[in-house]
């Protein structure tokens, strides 16, 4: 898989909660870190996502927010 984003985080799908149109996919990155992403149900099917399969959370830096106290 070639992509332009450099922030590719590999993990294991630990949850998929489907709604009417979209699904929330949870990916366990290890070390207690879980990333959640909302994608379409069609994308879940197209990617063949299932609990236990390897998947990637790909983060585009322009869409990341950072905060501090």
PDB file of N, CA and C in Angstrom:
ATOM      1  N   UNK A   1       0.843  -1.163   0.000  1.00  0.00           N
ATOM      2  CA  UNK A   1       0.000   0.000   0.000  1.00  0.00           C
ATOM      3  C   UNK A   1       0.891   1.230   0.000  1.00  0.00           C
ATOM      4  N   UNK A   2       0.770   2.074  -1.007  1.00  0.00           N
ATOM      5  CA  UNK A   2       1.491   3.337  -1.056  1.00  0.00           C
ATOM      6  C   UNK A   2       0.510   4.465  -0.804  1.00  0.00           C
ATOM      7  N   UNK A   3       0.868   5.360   0.116  1.00  0.00           N
ATOM      8  CA  UNK A   3       0.041   6.524   0.429  1.00  0.00           C
ATOM      9  C   UNK A   3       0.952   7.714   0.666  1.00  0.00           C
ATOM     10  N   UNK A   4       0.407   8.910   0.571  1.00  0.00           N
ATOM     11  CA  UNK A   4       1.233  10.099   0.770  1.00  0.00           C
ATOM     12  C   UNK A   4       1.399  10.444   2.244  1.00  0.00           C
ATOM     13  N   UNK A   5       0.453  10.030   3.091  1.00  0.00           N
ATOM     14  CA  UNK A   5       0.561  10.315   4.528  1.00  0.00           C
ATOM     15  C   UNK A   5       1.665   9.466   5.135  1.00  0.00           C
ATOM     16  N   UNK A   6       2.385  10.010   6.080  1.00  0.00           N
ATOM     17  CA  UNK A   6       3.501   9.291   6.702  1.00  0.00           C
ATOM     18  C   UNK A   6       3.148   8.739   8.075  1.00  0.00           C
ATOM     19  N   UNK A   7       1.946   9.027   8.549  1.00  0.00           N
ATOM     20  CA  UNK A   7       1.541   8.598   9.879  1.00  0.00           C
ATOM     21  C   UNK A   7       0.625   7.382   9.773  1.00  0.00           C
ATOM     22  N   UNK A   8       1.218   6.210   9.516  1.00  0.00           N
ATOM     23  CA  UNK A   8       0.480   4.964   9.355  1.00  0.00           C
ATOM     24  C   UNK A   8       0.689   4.126  10.606  1.00  0.00           C
ATOM     25  N   UNK A   9      -0.393   3.885  11.360  1.00  0.00           N
ATOM     26  CA  UNK A   9      -0.320   3.169  12.621  1.00  0.00           C
ATOM     27  C   UNK A   9      -0.972   1.799  12.464  1.00  0.00           C
ATOM     28  N   UNK A  10      -0.192   0.739  12.573  1.00  0.00           N
ATOM     29  CA  UNK A  10      -0.706  -0.619  12.413  1.00  0.00           C
ATOM     30  C   UNK A  10      -1.300  -1.118  13.712  1.00  0.00           C
ATOM     31  N   UNK A  11      -2.374  -1.875  13.604  1.00  0.00           N
ATOM     32  CA  UNK A  11      -2.996  -2.444  14.784  1.00  0.00           C
ATOM     33  C   UNK A  11      -3.978  -3.539  14.417  1.00  0.00           C
ATOM     34  N   UNK A  12      -4.769  -3.934  15.408  1.00  0.00           N
ATOM     35  CA  UNK A  12      -5.747  -4.994  15.244  1.00  0.00           C
ATOM     36  C   UNK A  12      -7.143  -4.446  15.488  1.00  0.00           C
ATOM     37  N   UNK A  13      -8.059  -4.768  14.608  1.00  0.00           N
ATOM     38  CA  UNK A  13      -9.446  -4.328  14.781  1.00  0.00           C
ATOM     39  C   UNK A  13     -10.025  -5.040  16.002  1.00  0.00           C
ATOM     40  N   UNK A  14     -10.521  -4.247  16.956  1.00  0.00           N
ATOM     41  CA  UNK A  14     -11.097  -4.815  18.170  1.00  0.00           C
ATOM     42  C   UNK A  14     -12.591  -4.522  18.297  1.00  0.00           C
ATOM     43  N   UNK A  15     -13.117  -3.683  17.420  1.00  0.00           N
ATOM     44  CA  UNK A  15     -14.545  -3.397  17.471  1.00  0.00           C
ATOM     45  C   UNK A  15     -15.025  -2.727  16.208  1.00  0.00           C
ATOM     46  N   UNK A  16     -16.240  -3.101  15.796  1.00  0.00           N
ATOM     47  CA  UNK A  16     -16.910  -2.454  14.667  1.00  0.00           C
ATOM     48  C   UNK A  16     -18.370  -2.283  15.079  1.00  0.00           C
ATOM     49  N   UNK A  17     -18.804  -1.037  15.170  1.00  0.00           N
ATOM     50  CA  UNK A  17     -20.187  -0.748  15.530  1.00  0.00           C
ATOM     51  C   UNK A  17     -20.855  -0.067  14.342  1.00  0.00           C
ATOM     52  N   UNK A  18     -21.724  -0.806  13.664  1.00  0.00           N
ATOM     53  CA  UNK A  18     -22.384  -0.276  12.474  1.00  0.00           C
ATOM     54  C   UNK A  18     -23.657   0.470  12.836  1.00  0.00           C
ATOM     55  N   UNK A  19     -23.842   1.604  12.174  1.00  0.00           N
ATOM     56  CA  UNK A  19     -25.075   2.362  12.262  1.00  0.00           C
ATOM     57  C   UNK A  19     -25.823   2.220  10.956  1.00  0.00           C
ATOM     58  N   UNK A  20     -26.739   3.138  10.692  1.00  0.00           N
ATOM     59  CA  UNK A  20     -27.534   3.087   9.462  1.00  0.00           C
ATOM     60  C   UNK A  20     -26.674   3.296   8.222  1.00  0.00           C
ATOM     61  N   UNK A  21     -25.691   4.200   8.308  1.00  0.00           N
ATOM     62  CA  UNK A  21     -24.853   4.538   7.156  1.00  0.00           C
ATOM     63  C   UNK A  21     -23.373   4.378   7.460  1.00  0.00           C
ATOM     64  N   UNK A  22     -22.959   4.775   8.666  1.00  0.00           N
ATOM     65  CA  UNK A  22     -21.550   4.763   9.060  1.00  0.00           C
ATOM     66  C   UNK A  22     -21.268   3.728  10.136  1.00  0.00           C
ATOM     67  N   UNK A  23     -19.991   3.405  10.287  1.00  0.00           N
ATOM     68  CA  UNK A  23     -19.549   2.481  11.322  1.00  0.00           C
ATOM     69  C   UNK A  23     -18.383   3.107  12.078  1.00  0.00           C
ATOM     70  N   UNK A  24     -18.313   2.820  13.370  1.00  0.00           N
ATOM     71  CA  UNK A  24     -17.149   3.202  14.165  1.00  0.00           C
ATOM     72  C   UNK A  24     -16.258   1.979  14.257  1.00  0.00           C
ATOM     73  N   UNK A  25     -15.011   2.142  13.826  1.00  0.00           N
ATOM     74  CA  UNK A  25     -14.041   1.055  13.836  1.00  0.00           C
ATOM     75  C   UNK A  25     -12.991   1.382  14.892  1.00  0.00           C
ATOM     76  N   UNK A  26     -12.726   0.434  15.778  1.00  0.00           N
ATOM     77  CA  UNK A  26     -11.713   0.609  16.814  1.00  0.00           C
ATOM     78  C   UNK A  26     -10.520  -0.280  16.489  1.00  0.00           C
ATOM     79  N   UNK A  27      -9.330   0.341  16.501  1.00  0.00           N
ATOM     80  CA  UNK A  27      -8.084  -0.369  16.202  1.00  0.00           C
ATOM     81  C   UNK A  27      -7.177  -0.278  17.417  1.00  0.00           C
ATOM     82  N   UNK A  28      -6.761  -1.437  17.925  1.00  0.00           N
ATOM     83  CA  UNK A  28      -5.844  -1.507  19.064  1.00  0.00           C
ATOM     84  C   UNK A  28      -4.422  -1.405  18.539  1.00  0.00           C
ATOM     85  N   UNK A  29      -3.720  -0.343  18.938  1.00  0.00           N
ATOM     86  CA  UNK A  29      -2.344  -0.107  18.480  1.00  0.00           C
ATOM     87  C   UNK A  29      -1.318  -0.766  19.384  1.00  0.00           C
ATOM     88  N   UNK A  30      -1.767  -1.346  20.488  1.00  0.00           N
ATOM     89  CA  UNK A  30      -0.868  -1.944  21.464  1.00  0.00           C
ATOM     90  C   UNK A  30      -0.527  -0.947  22.543  1.00  0.00           C
ATOM     91  N   UNK A  31      -0.044  -1.436  23.661  1.00  0.00           N
ATOM     92  CA  UNK A  31       0.360  -0.557  24.758  1.00  0.00           C
ATOM     93  C   UNK A  31      -0.804   0.203  25.374  1.00  0.00           C
ATOM     94  N   UNK A  32      -2.029  -0.303  25.199  1.00  0.00           N
ATOM     95  CA  UNK A  32      -3.193   0.362  25.766  1.00  0.00           C
ATOM     96  C   UNK A  32      -3.774   1.478  24.918  1.00  0.00           C
ATOM     97  N   UNK A  33      -3.272   1.669  23.703  1.00  0.00           N
ATOM     98  CA  UNK A  33      -3.764   2.736  22.824  1.00  0.00           C
ATOM     99  C   UNK A  33      -4.749   2.181  21.804  1.00  0.00           C
ATOM    100  N   UNK A  34      -5.942   2.779  21.772  1.00  0.00           N
ATOM    101  CA  UNK A  34      -6.956   2.394  20.798  1.00  0.00           C
ATOM    102  C   UNK A  34      -7.373   3.641  20.030  1.00  0.00           C
ATOM    103  N   UNK A  35      -7.420   3.512  18.717  1.00  0.00           N
ATOM    104  CA  UNK A  35      -7.845   4.595  17.843  1.00  0.00           C
ATOM    105  C   UNK A  35      -9.216   4.240  17.293  1.00  0.00           C
ATOM    106  N   UNK A  36     -10.126   5.207  17.292  1.00  0.00           N
ATOM    107  CA  UNK A  36     -11.457   5.010  16.716  1.00  0.00           C
ATOM    108  C   UNK A  36     -11.604   5.892  15.488  1.00  0.00           C
ATOM    109  N   UNK A  37     -12.238   5.356  14.467  1.00  0.00           N
ATOM    110  CA  UNK A  37     -12.487   6.125  13.246  1.00  0.00           C
ATOM    111  C   UNK A  37     -13.894   5.820  12.757  1.00  0.00           C
ATOM    112  N   UNK A  38     -14.559   6.843  12.234  1.00  0.00           N
ATOM    113  CA  UNK A  38     -15.870   6.641  11.647  1.00  0.00           C
ATOM    114  C   UNK A  38     -15.715   6.606  10.135  1.00  0.00           C
ATOM    115  N   UNK A  39     -16.159   5.501   9.543  1.00  0.00           N
ATOM    116  CA  UNK A  39     -16.105   5.321   8.098  1.00  0.00           C
ATOM    117  C   UNK A  39     -17.470   4.790   7.647  1.00  0.00           C
ATOM    118  N   UNK A  40     -17.702   4.775   6.363  1.00  0.00           N
ATOM    119  CA  UNK A  40     -18.986   4.278   5.873  1.00  0.00           C
ATOM    120  C   UNK A  40     -19.056   2.755   6.022  1.00  0.00           C
ATOM    121  N   UNK A  41     -20.280   2.250   6.108  1.00  0.00           N
ATOM    122  CA  UNK A  41     -20.477   0.803   6.142  1.00  0.00           C
ATOM    123  C   UNK A  41     -19.943   0.166   4.865  1.00  0.00           C
ATOM    124  N   UNK A  42     -20.088   0.875   3.752  1.00  0.00           N
ATOM    125  CA  UNK A  42     -19.572   0.360   2.478  1.00  0.00           C
ATOM    126  C   UNK A  42     -18.057   0.196   2.530  1.00  0.00           C
ATOM    127  N   UNK A  43     -17.366   1.125   3.194  1.00  0.00           N
ATOM    128  CA  UNK A  43     -15.910   1.022   3.324  1.00  0.00           C
ATOM    129  C   UNK A  43     -15.507  -0.160   4.194  1.00  0.00           C
ATOM    130  N   UNK A  44     -16.276  -0.411   5.251  1.00  0.00           N
ATOM    131  CA  UNK A  44     -16.009  -1.584   6.095  1.00  0.00           C
ATOM    132  C   UNK A  44     -16.052  -2.843   5.235  1.00  0.00           C
ATOM    133  N   UNK A  45     -17.073  -2.943   4.391  1.00  0.00           N
ATOM    134  CA  UNK A  45     -17.223  -4.112   3.521  1.00  0.00           C
ATOM    135  C   UNK A  45     -16.119  -4.166   2.472  1.00  0.00           C
ATOM    136  N   UNK A  46     -15.851  -3.031   1.811  1.00  0.00           N
ATOM    137  CA  UNK A  46     -14.819  -2.987   0.759  1.00  0.00           C
ATOM    138  C   UNK A  46     -13.447  -3.379   1.287  1.00  0.00           C
ATOM    139  N   UNK A  47     -13.131  -2.958   2.522  1.00  0.00           N
ATOM    140  CA  UNK A  47     -11.835  -3.264   3.124  1.00  0.00           C
ATOM    141  C   UNK A  47     -11.796  -4.651   3.767  1.00  0.00           C
ATOM    142  N   UNK A  48     -12.942  -5.295   3.863  1.00  0.00           N
ATOM    143  CA  UNK A  48     -12.999  -6.619   4.484  1.00  0.00           C
ATOM    144  C   UNK A  48     -12.661  -6.581   5.966  1.00  0.00           C
ATOM    145  N   UNK A  49     -13.022  -5.481   6.632  1.00  0.00           N
ATOM    146  CA  UNK A  49     -12.678  -5.340   8.041  1.00  0.00           C
ATOM    147  C   UNK A  49     -13.502  -6.280   8.906  1.00  0.00           C
ATOM    148  N   UNK A  50     -12.821  -6.938   9.832  1.00  0.00           N
ATOM    149  CA  UNK A  50     -13.441  -7.826  10.801  1.00  0.00           C
ATOM    150  C   UNK A  50     -12.639  -7.746  12.081  1.00  0.00           C
ATOM    151  N   UNK A  51     -13.303  -7.992  13.205  1.00  0.00           N
ATOM    152  CA  UNK A  51     -12.588  -8.035  14.484  1.00  0.00           C
ATOM    153  C   UNK A  51     -11.504  -9.096  14.397  1.00  0.00           C
ATOM    154  N   UNK A  52     -10.295  -8.742  14.840  1.00  0.00           N
ATOM    155  CA  UNK A  52      -9.156  -9.657  14.824  1.00  0.00           C
ATOM    156  C   UNK A  52      -8.226  -9.470  13.641  1.00  0.00           C
ATOM    157  N   UNK A  53      -8.676  -8.752  12.606  1.00  0.00           N
ATOM    158  CA  UNK A  53      -7.828  -8.534  11.431  1.00  0.00           C
ATOM    159  C   UNK A  53      -6.909  -7.334  11.639  1.00  0.00           C
ATOM    160  N   UNK A  54      -5.780  -7.350  10.953  1.00  0.00           N
ATOM    161  CA  UNK A  54      -4.856  -6.222  10.970  1.00  0.00           C
ATOM    162  C   UNK A  54      -5.426  -5.097  10.108  1.00  0.00           C
ATOM    163  N   UNK A  55      -5.293  -3.877  10.610  1.00  0.00           N
ATOM    164  CA  UNK A  55      -5.737  -2.702   9.862  1.00  0.00           C
ATOM    165  C   UNK A  55      -4.803  -1.551  10.204  1.00  0.00           C
ATOM    166  N   UNK A  56      -4.924  -0.458   9.486  1.00  0.00           N
ATOM    167  CA  UNK A  56      -4.065   0.697   9.679  1.00  0.00           C
ATOM    168  C   UNK A  56      -4.899   1.944   9.927  1.00  0.00           C
ATOM    169  N   UNK A  57      -4.508   2.709  10.927  1.00  0.00           N
ATOM    170  CA  UNK A  57      -5.062   4.046  11.131  1.00  0.00           C
ATOM    171  C   UNK A  57      -4.086   4.997  10.455  1.00  0.00           C
ATOM    172  N   UNK A  58      -4.569   5.722   9.477  1.00  0.00           N
ATOM    173  CA  UNK A  58      -3.708   6.631   8.721  1.00  0.00           C
ATOM    174  C   UNK A  58      -4.144   8.054   9.044  1.00  0.00           C
ATOM    175  N   UNK A  59      -3.213   8.824   9.594  1.00  0.00           N
ATOM    176  CA  UNK A  59      -3.519  10.168  10.070  1.00  0.00           C
ATOM    177  C   UNK A  59      -2.841  11.184   9.170  1.00  0.00           C
ATOM    178  N   UNK A  60      -3.629  12.077   8.618  1.00  0.00           N
ATOM    179  CA  UNK A  60      -3.074  13.167   7.822  1.00  0.00           C
ATOM    180  C   UNK A  60      -2.852  14.345   8.763  1.00  0.00           C
ATOM    181  N   UNK A  61      -1.646  14.832   8.840  1.00  0.00           N
ATOM    182  CA  UNK A  61      -1.278  15.844   9.832  1.00  0.00           C
ATOM    183  C   UNK A  61      -2.138  17.092   9.782  1.00  0.00           C
ATOM    184  N   UNK A  62      -2.645  17.450   8.631  1.00  0.00           N
ATOM    185  CA  UNK A  62      -3.454  18.668   8.539  1.00  0.00           C
ATOM    186  C   UNK A  62      -4.814  18.493   9.240  1.00  0.00           C
ATOM    187  N   UNK A  63      -5.181  17.270   9.584  1.00  0.00           N
ATOM    188  CA  UNK A  63      -6.448  17.004  10.245  1.00  0.00           C
ATOM    189  C   UNK A  63      -6.279  16.634  11.717  1.00  0.00           C
ATOM    190  N   UNK A  64      -5.129  16.886  12.305  1.00  0.00           N
ATOM    191  CA  UNK A  64      -4.880  16.555  13.710  1.00  0.00           C
ATOM    192  C   UNK A  64      -4.919  17.828  14.523  1.00  0.00           C
ATOM    193  N   UNK A  65      -5.646  17.765  15.644  1.00  0.00           N
ATOM    194  CA  UNK A  65      -5.701  18.914  16.556  1.00  0.00           C
ATOM    195  C   UNK A  65      -4.843  18.595  17.770  1.00  0.00           C
ATOM    196  N   UNK A  66      -4.176  19.598  18.305  1.00  0.00           N
ATOM    197  CA  UNK A  66      -3.317  19.443  19.474  1.00  0.00           C
ATOM    198  C   UNK A  66      -3.774  20.449  20.530  1.00  0.00           C
ATOM    199  N   UNK A  67      -3.834  20.014  21.781  1.00  0.00           N
ATOM    200  CA  UNK A  67      -4.223  20.916  22.862  1.00  0.00           C
ATOM    201  C   UNK A  67      -3.317  20.751  24.061  1.00  0.00           C
ATOM    202  N   UNK A  68      -3.321  21.716  24.935  1.00  0.00           N
ATOM    203  CA  UNK A  68      -2.520  21.658  26.161  1.00  0.00           C
ATOM    204  C   UNK A  68      -3.227  22.446  27.248  1.00  0.00           C
ATOM    205  N   UNK A  69      -2.964  22.094  28.496  1.00  0.00           N
ATOM    206  CA  UNK A  69      -3.523  22.843  29.639  1.00  0.00           C
ATOM    207  C   UNK A  69      -2.721  24.075  29.909  1.00  0.00           C
TER     208      UNK A  69
END
